């Protein structure tokens, strides 16, 4: 029996709060976000610190599990998993409406079914960021 993270942990799924959208990085006015719609997610929180900078910073890196079928069609049409990862990191970001916080996708991974090889979920490591208010 094949079980995905979403069927294994249905009570952990968060609906109606997270959005995925396109991101234009480093425009004249800053990063710009255009929402493409809501996604259902499972969150795995983590924290890190950077002792190599002054002052020391403590930040939050969230690992967010998403269902591939909720990704934009441009991402779903890609055949190569490395292309999916590059596309997500370079062209998309997330928004949490409950916290009014935008998140840059800094890393992405693909979770596959070990029996069939089918992609079951995407793992997005995100970091809070700012966007231009246009």
C-alpha atoms as a PDB file:
ATOM      1  CA  UNK A   1       0.000   0.000   0.000  1.00  0.00           C
ATOM      2  CA  UNK A   2       1.425   3.362  -1.044  1.00  0.00           C
ATOM      3  CA  UNK A   3       0.927   6.252   1.362  1.00  0.00           C
ATOM      4  CA  UNK A   4       1.849   9.875   0.681  1.00  0.00           C
ATOM      5  CA  UNK A   5       2.610  12.428   3.377  1.00  0.00           C
ATOM      6  CA  UNK A   6      -0.822  13.955   2.727  1.00  0.00           C
ATOM      7  CA  UNK A   7      -2.718  10.706   3.265  1.00  0.00           C
ATOM      8  CA  UNK A   8      -0.522   9.727   6.229  1.00  0.00           C
ATOM      9  CA  UNK A   9      -1.000  13.043   8.076  1.00  0.00           C
ATOM     10  CA  UNK A  10      -4.372  14.511   7.023  1.00  0.00           C
ATOM     11  CA  UNK A  11      -4.726  16.497  10.265  1.00  0.00           C
ATOM     12  CA  UNK A  12      -1.473  18.334   9.529  1.00  0.00           C
ATOM     13  CA  UNK A  13      -2.714  19.793   6.239  1.00  0.00           C
ATOM     14  CA  UNK A  14      -3.207  23.578   6.331  1.00  0.00           C
ATOM     15  CA  UNK A  15      -5.798  24.925   3.904  1.00  0.00           C
ATOM     16  CA  UNK A  16      -6.762  28.452   2.868  1.00  0.00           C
ATOM     17  CA  UNK A  17      -3.748  30.309   4.278  1.00  0.00           C
ATOM     18  CA  UNK A  18      -0.842  29.752   1.884  1.00  0.00           C
ATOM     19  CA  UNK A  19      -0.644  31.056  -1.683  1.00  0.00           C
ATOM     20  CA  UNK A  20       1.841  30.413  -4.449  1.00  0.00           C
ATOM     21  CA  UNK A  21       2.701  33.166  -6.878  1.00  0.00           C
ATOM     22  CA  UNK A  22       5.193  34.325  -9.421  1.00  0.00           C
ATOM     23  CA  UNK A  23       8.101  36.449  -8.302  1.00  0.00           C
ATOM     24  CA  UNK A  24      10.107  39.017 -10.138  1.00  0.00           C
ATOM     25  CA  UNK A  25      13.398  39.297  -8.269  1.00  0.00           C
ATOM     26  CA  UNK A  26      15.303  42.544  -7.883  1.00  0.00           C
ATOM     27  CA  UNK A  27      13.209  44.915  -9.948  1.00  0.00           C
ATOM     28  CA  UNK A  28      13.856  48.627  -9.608  1.00  0.00           C
ATOM     29  CA  UNK A  29      11.353  48.766  -6.745  1.00  0.00           C
ATOM     30  CA  UNK A  30      12.273  45.354  -5.253  1.00  0.00           C
ATOM     31  CA  UNK A  31      10.775  41.868  -5.401  1.00  0.00           C
ATOM     32  CA  UNK A  32       7.265  41.693  -6.825  1.00  0.00           C
ATOM     33  CA  UNK A  33       4.683  38.962  -6.090  1.00  0.00           C
ATOM     34  CA  UNK A  34       1.679  37.989  -8.205  1.00  0.00           C
ATOM     35  CA  UNK A  35      -0.636  35.434  -6.584  1.00  0.00           C
ATOM     36  CA  UNK A  36      -1.663  32.378  -8.592  1.00  0.00           C
ATOM     37  CA  UNK A  37      -3.944  30.900  -5.927  1.00  0.00           C
ATOM     38  CA  UNK A  38      -4.145  28.959  -2.673  1.00  0.00           C
ATOM     39  CA  UNK A  39      -2.289  25.737  -1.968  1.00  0.00           C
ATOM     40  CA  UNK A  40      -2.655  23.150   0.801  1.00  0.00           C
ATOM     41  CA  UNK A  41       0.547  22.553   2.750  1.00  0.00           C
ATOM     42  CA  UNK A  42       2.147  20.634   5.588  1.00  0.00           C
ATOM     43  CA  UNK A  43       4.700  22.656   7.582  1.00  0.00           C
ATOM     44  CA  UNK A  44       7.922  21.409   9.188  1.00  0.00           C
ATOM     45  CA  UNK A  45       9.415  24.324  11.168  1.00  0.00           C
ATOM     46  CA  UNK A  46      13.094  24.781  11.821  1.00  0.00           C
ATOM     47  CA  UNK A  47      15.388  27.509  13.078  1.00  0.00           C
ATOM     48  CA  UNK A  48      18.975  28.416  12.313  1.00  0.00           C
ATOM     49  CA  UNK A  49      21.543  30.939  13.325  1.00  0.00           C
ATOM     50  CA  UNK A  50      24.421  32.541  11.511  1.00  0.00           C
ATOM     51  CA  UNK A  51      27.389  33.190  13.781  1.00  0.00           C
ATOM     52  CA  UNK A  52      29.591  34.428  10.939  1.00  0.00           C
ATOM     53  CA  UNK A  53      27.898  37.811  10.697  1.00  0.00           C
ATOM     54  CA  UNK A  54      27.658  40.706  13.098  1.00  0.00           C
ATOM     55  CA  UNK A  55      25.216  40.990  14.701  1.00  0.00           C
ATOM     56  CA  UNK A  56      24.383  37.285  14.916  1.00  0.00           C
ATOM     57  CA  UNK A  57      21.094  36.506  13.285  1.00  0.00           C
ATOM     58  CA  UNK A  58      18.581  33.869  14.166  1.00  0.00           C
ATOM     59  CA  UNK A  59      16.138  33.050  11.436  1.00  0.00           C
ATOM     60  CA  UNK A  60      13.412  30.632  10.623  1.00  0.00           C
ATOM     61  CA  UNK A  61      13.560  28.253   7.715  1.00  0.00           C
ATOM     62  CA  UNK A  62      10.345  26.445   7.040  1.00  0.00           C
ATOM     63  CA  UNK A  63      10.147  23.208   5.111  1.00  0.00           C
ATOM     64  CA  UNK A  64       6.809  23.146   3.345  1.00  0.00           C
ATOM     65  CA  UNK A  65       5.370  20.040   1.736  1.00  0.00           C
ATOM     66  CA  UNK A  66       3.059  20.706  -1.227  1.00  0.00           C
ATOM     67  CA  UNK A  67       1.069  18.511  -3.572  1.00  0.00           C
ATOM     68  CA  UNK A  68       2.532  18.691  -7.100  1.00  0.00           C
ATOM     69  CA  UNK A  69      -0.959  18.880  -8.635  1.00  0.00           C
ATOM     70  CA  UNK A  70      -1.438  22.285  -6.945  1.00  0.00           C
ATOM     71  CA  UNK A  71       1.615  23.775  -8.602  1.00  0.00           C
ATOM     72  CA  UNK A  72       1.303  26.101 -11.599  1.00  0.00           C
ATOM     73  CA  UNK A  73       0.862  24.262 -14.891  1.00  0.00           C
ATOM     74  CA  UNK A  74       4.243  25.560 -16.121  1.00  0.00           C
ATOM     75  CA  UNK A  75       5.865  23.569 -13.303  1.00  0.00           C
ATOM     76  CA  UNK A  76       3.713  20.456 -13.758  1.00  0.00           C
ATOM     77  CA  UNK A  77       4.513  20.269 -17.479  1.00  0.00           C
ATOM     78  CA  UNK A  78       8.243  19.903 -16.866  1.00  0.00           C
ATOM     79  CA  UNK A  79       9.507  16.373 -17.418  1.00  0.00           C
ATOM     80  CA  UNK A  80      12.814  16.585 -15.578  1.00  0.00           C
ATOM     81  CA  UNK A  81      12.757  16.894 -11.769  1.00  0.00           C
ATOM     82  CA  UNK A  82      15.815  19.164 -11.767  1.00  0.00           C
ATOM     83  CA  UNK A  83      13.916  21.547 -14.062  1.00  0.00           C
ATOM     84  CA  UNK A  84      11.020  21.568 -11.573  1.00  0.00           C
ATOM     85  CA  UNK A  85      13.389  22.548  -8.757  1.00  0.00           C
ATOM     86  CA  UNK A  86      15.070  25.311 -10.779  1.00  0.00           C
ATOM     87  CA  UNK A  87      11.706  26.695 -11.901  1.00  0.00           C
ATOM     88  CA  UNK A  88      10.332  26.839  -8.330  1.00  0.00           C
ATOM     89  CA  UNK A  89      13.412  28.510  -6.841  1.00  0.00           C
ATOM     90  CA  UNK A  90      13.857  31.109  -9.565  1.00  0.00           C
ATOM     91  CA  UNK A  91      10.294  32.053 -10.501  1.00  0.00           C
ATOM     92  CA  UNK A  92       7.963  31.469  -7.545  1.00  0.00           C
ATOM     93  CA  UNK A  93       7.430  32.458  -3.924  1.00  0.00           C
ATOM     94  CA  UNK A  94       4.810  31.851  -1.229  1.00  0.00           C
ATOM     95  CA  UNK A  95       2.556  34.099   0.829  1.00  0.00           C
ATOM     96  CA  UNK A  96       1.054  33.321   4.245  1.00  0.00           C
ATOM     97  CA  UNK A  97      -2.136  35.378   4.572  1.00  0.00           C
ATOM     98  CA  UNK A  98      -2.551  34.627   8.302  1.00  0.00           C
ATOM     99  CA  UNK A  99       0.838  36.205   9.073  1.00  0.00           C
ATOM    100  CA  UNK A 100       0.892  38.620   6.104  1.00  0.00           C
ATOM    101  CA  UNK A 101       4.383  37.327   5.321  1.00  0.00           C
ATOM    102  CA  UNK A 102       6.049  36.568   1.994  1.00  0.00           C
ATOM    103  CA  UNK A 103       8.530  33.716   1.641  1.00  0.00           C
ATOM    104  CA  UNK A 104      11.281  33.212  -0.891  1.00  0.00           C
ATOM    105  CA  UNK A 105      11.788  29.601  -2.003  1.00  0.00           C
ATOM    106  CA  UNK A 106      15.483  29.057  -1.283  1.00  0.00           C
ATOM    107  CA  UNK A 107      15.620  25.313  -1.944  1.00  0.00           C
ATOM    108  CA  UNK A 108      13.310  22.708  -3.402  1.00  0.00           C
ATOM    109  CA  UNK A 109      13.228  18.941  -3.440  1.00  0.00           C
ATOM    110  CA  UNK A 110      11.124  16.241  -5.001  1.00  0.00           C
ATOM    111  CA  UNK A 111       9.607  13.436  -2.910  1.00  0.00           C
ATOM    112  CA  UNK A 112       9.025  10.293  -4.935  1.00  0.00           C
ATOM    113  CA  UNK A 113       7.150   7.080  -4.235  1.00  0.00           C
ATOM    114  CA  UNK A 114       9.894   4.514  -3.658  1.00  0.00           C
ATOM    115  CA  UNK A 115       7.886   1.755  -5.368  1.00  0.00           C
ATOM    116  CA  UNK A 116       6.576   3.521  -8.456  1.00  0.00           C
ATOM    117  CA  UNK A 117       8.932   6.498  -8.892  1.00  0.00           C
ATOM    118  CA  UNK A 118       5.944   8.849  -9.148  1.00  0.00           C
ATOM    119  CA  UNK A 119       6.345  12.321  -7.626  1.00  0.00           C
ATOM    120  CA  UNK A 120       4.175  12.442  -4.479  1.00  0.00           C
ATOM    121  CA  UNK A 121       5.149  15.795  -2.986  1.00  0.00           C
ATOM    122  CA  UNK A 122       7.464  18.746  -3.360  1.00  0.00           C
ATOM    123  CA  UNK A 123       9.560  20.021  -0.462  1.00  0.00           C
ATOM    124  CA  UNK A 124      10.057  23.784  -0.418  1.00  0.00           C
ATOM    125  CA  UNK A 125      12.522  25.389   1.976  1.00  0.00           C
ATOM    126  CA  UNK A 126      11.406  28.979   2.419  1.00  0.00           C
ATOM    127  CA  UNK A 127      12.766  32.064   4.157  1.00  0.00           C
ATOM    128  CA  UNK A 128      10.800  35.231   5.018  1.00  0.00           C
ATOM    129  CA  UNK A 129      11.391  38.099   2.608  1.00  0.00           C
ATOM    130  CA  UNK A 130      10.036  41.508   1.700  1.00  0.00           C
ATOM    131  CA  UNK A 131       8.307  42.558  -1.474  1.00  0.00           C
ATOM    132  CA  UNK A 132       7.689  45.882  -3.157  1.00  0.00           C
ATOM    133  CA  UNK A 133       4.263  47.309  -2.484  1.00  0.00           C
ATOM    134  CA  UNK A 134       3.129  48.305  -5.982  1.00  0.00           C
END
